């Protein structure tokens, strides 16, 4: 989770760069769809909640 959080801004910038008319239609469509999904409130909320919940699991796993 930490890795995704670290690279998230770079993934967004990359998808934005691919979403311009300089690319082929399929790449633009795929990048635009993925960009909308990754920026959606549902994804962001799920990610934040998952990260928070897994932080407890990580600590518990280390103790076990």
C-alpha atoms as a PDB file:
ATOM      1  CA  UNK A   1       0.000   0.000   0.000  1.00  0.00           C
ATOM      2  CA  UNK A   2       2.801   2.368   0.848  1.00  0.00           C
ATOM      3  CA  UNK A   3       4.346   1.853  -2.583  1.00  0.00           C
ATOM      4  CA  UNK A   4       1.119   2.779  -4.366  1.00  0.00           C
ATOM      5  CA  UNK A   5       0.733   5.838  -2.172  1.00  0.00           C
ATOM      6  CA  UNK A   6       4.283   6.884  -3.075  1.00  0.00           C
ATOM      7  CA  UNK A   7       3.867   6.483  -6.840  1.00  0.00           C
ATOM      8  CA  UNK A   8       0.222   7.620  -7.052  1.00  0.00           C
ATOM      9  CA  UNK A   9       1.031  11.196  -8.219  1.00  0.00           C
ATOM     10  CA  UNK A  10       3.370   9.835 -10.903  1.00  0.00           C
ATOM     11  CA  UNK A  11       0.774   7.352 -12.119  1.00  0.00           C
ATOM     12  CA  UNK A  12      -1.785  10.165 -12.362  1.00  0.00           C
ATOM     13  CA  UNK A  13       0.645  12.392 -14.302  1.00  0.00           C
ATOM     14  CA  UNK A  14       1.517   9.549 -16.661  1.00  0.00           C
ATOM     15  CA  UNK A  15      -2.130   8.765 -17.354  1.00  0.00           C
ATOM     16  CA  UNK A  16      -2.835  12.459 -17.940  1.00  0.00           C
ATOM     17  CA  UNK A  17       0.024  12.566 -20.437  1.00  0.00           C
ATOM     18  CA  UNK A  18      -1.369   9.557 -22.305  1.00  0.00           C
ATOM     19  CA  UNK A  19      -4.898  11.006 -22.310  1.00  0.00           C
ATOM     20  CA  UNK A  20      -3.997  13.657 -24.894  1.00  0.00           C
ATOM     21  CA  UNK A  21      -4.564  13.348 -28.665  1.00  0.00           C
ATOM     22  CA  UNK A  22      -0.895  12.495 -29.398  1.00  0.00           C
ATOM     23  CA  UNK A  23      -1.593   8.820 -28.618  1.00  0.00           C
ATOM     24  CA  UNK A  24      -3.649   6.171 -30.405  1.00  0.00           C
ATOM     25  CA  UNK A  25      -7.364   5.983 -29.653  1.00  0.00           C
ATOM     26  CA  UNK A  26      -7.199   2.798 -27.545  1.00  0.00           C
ATOM     27  CA  UNK A  27      -4.403   4.171 -25.339  1.00  0.00           C
ATOM     28  CA  UNK A  28      -6.261   7.444 -24.839  1.00  0.00           C
ATOM     29  CA  UNK A  29      -9.500   5.636 -23.972  1.00  0.00           C
ATOM     30  CA  UNK A  30      -7.808   3.200 -21.583  1.00  0.00           C
ATOM     31  CA  UNK A  31      -5.739   5.910 -19.869  1.00  0.00           C
ATOM     32  CA  UNK A  32      -8.732   8.232 -19.523  1.00  0.00           C
ATOM     33  CA  UNK A  33     -10.875   5.484 -17.995  1.00  0.00           C
ATOM     34  CA  UNK A  34      -8.186   4.431 -15.563  1.00  0.00           C
ATOM     35  CA  UNK A  35      -7.496   8.057 -14.658  1.00  0.00           C
ATOM     36  CA  UNK A  36     -11.185   8.666 -13.885  1.00  0.00           C
ATOM     37  CA  UNK A  37     -11.267   5.517 -11.762  1.00  0.00           C
ATOM     38  CA  UNK A  38      -8.094   6.332  -9.794  1.00  0.00           C
ATOM     39  CA  UNK A  39      -9.338   9.845  -9.093  1.00  0.00           C
ATOM     40  CA  UNK A  40     -12.867   8.801  -8.149  1.00  0.00           C
ATOM     41  CA  UNK A  41     -14.005   9.403  -4.579  1.00  0.00           C
ATOM     42  CA  UNK A  42     -14.823   5.687  -4.256  1.00  0.00           C
ATOM     43  CA  UNK A  43     -11.272   4.601  -5.113  1.00  0.00           C
ATOM     44  CA  UNK A  44      -9.612   7.240  -2.936  1.00  0.00           C
ATOM     45  CA  UNK A  45     -11.857   6.431   0.037  1.00  0.00           C
ATOM     46  CA  UNK A  46     -11.314   2.684  -0.403  1.00  0.00           C
ATOM     47  CA  UNK A  47      -7.587   3.183  -0.636  1.00  0.00           C
ATOM     48  CA  UNK A  48      -7.374   5.347   2.481  1.00  0.00           C
ATOM     49  CA  UNK A  49      -9.576   2.980   4.493  1.00  0.00           C
ATOM     50  CA  UNK A  50      -7.660  -0.099   3.301  1.00  0.00           C
ATOM     51  CA  UNK A  51      -4.345   1.511   4.125  1.00  0.00           C
ATOM     52  CA  UNK A  52      -5.581   2.395   7.600  1.00  0.00           C
ATOM     53  CA  UNK A  53      -6.986  -1.081   8.258  1.00  0.00           C
ATOM     54  CA  UNK A  54      -3.911  -2.858   6.915  1.00  0.00           C
ATOM     55  CA  UNK A  55      -1.641  -0.794   9.150  1.00  0.00           C
ATOM     56  CA  UNK A  56      -3.173  -2.669  12.110  1.00  0.00           C
ATOM     57  CA  UNK A  57      -2.781  -6.002  10.350  1.00  0.00           C
ATOM     58  CA  UNK A  58       0.877  -5.301   9.610  1.00  0.00           C
ATOM     59  CA  UNK A  59       1.640  -4.573  13.260  1.00  0.00           C
ATOM     60  CA  UNK A  60      -0.254  -7.661  14.363  1.00  0.00           C
ATOM     61  CA  UNK A  61       1.578  -9.832  11.822  1.00  0.00           C
ATOM     62  CA  UNK A  62       4.931  -8.598  13.053  1.00  0.00           C
ATOM     63  CA  UNK A  63       4.010  -9.488  16.640  1.00  0.00           C
ATOM     64  CA  UNK A  64       2.853 -12.951  15.666  1.00  0.00           C
END
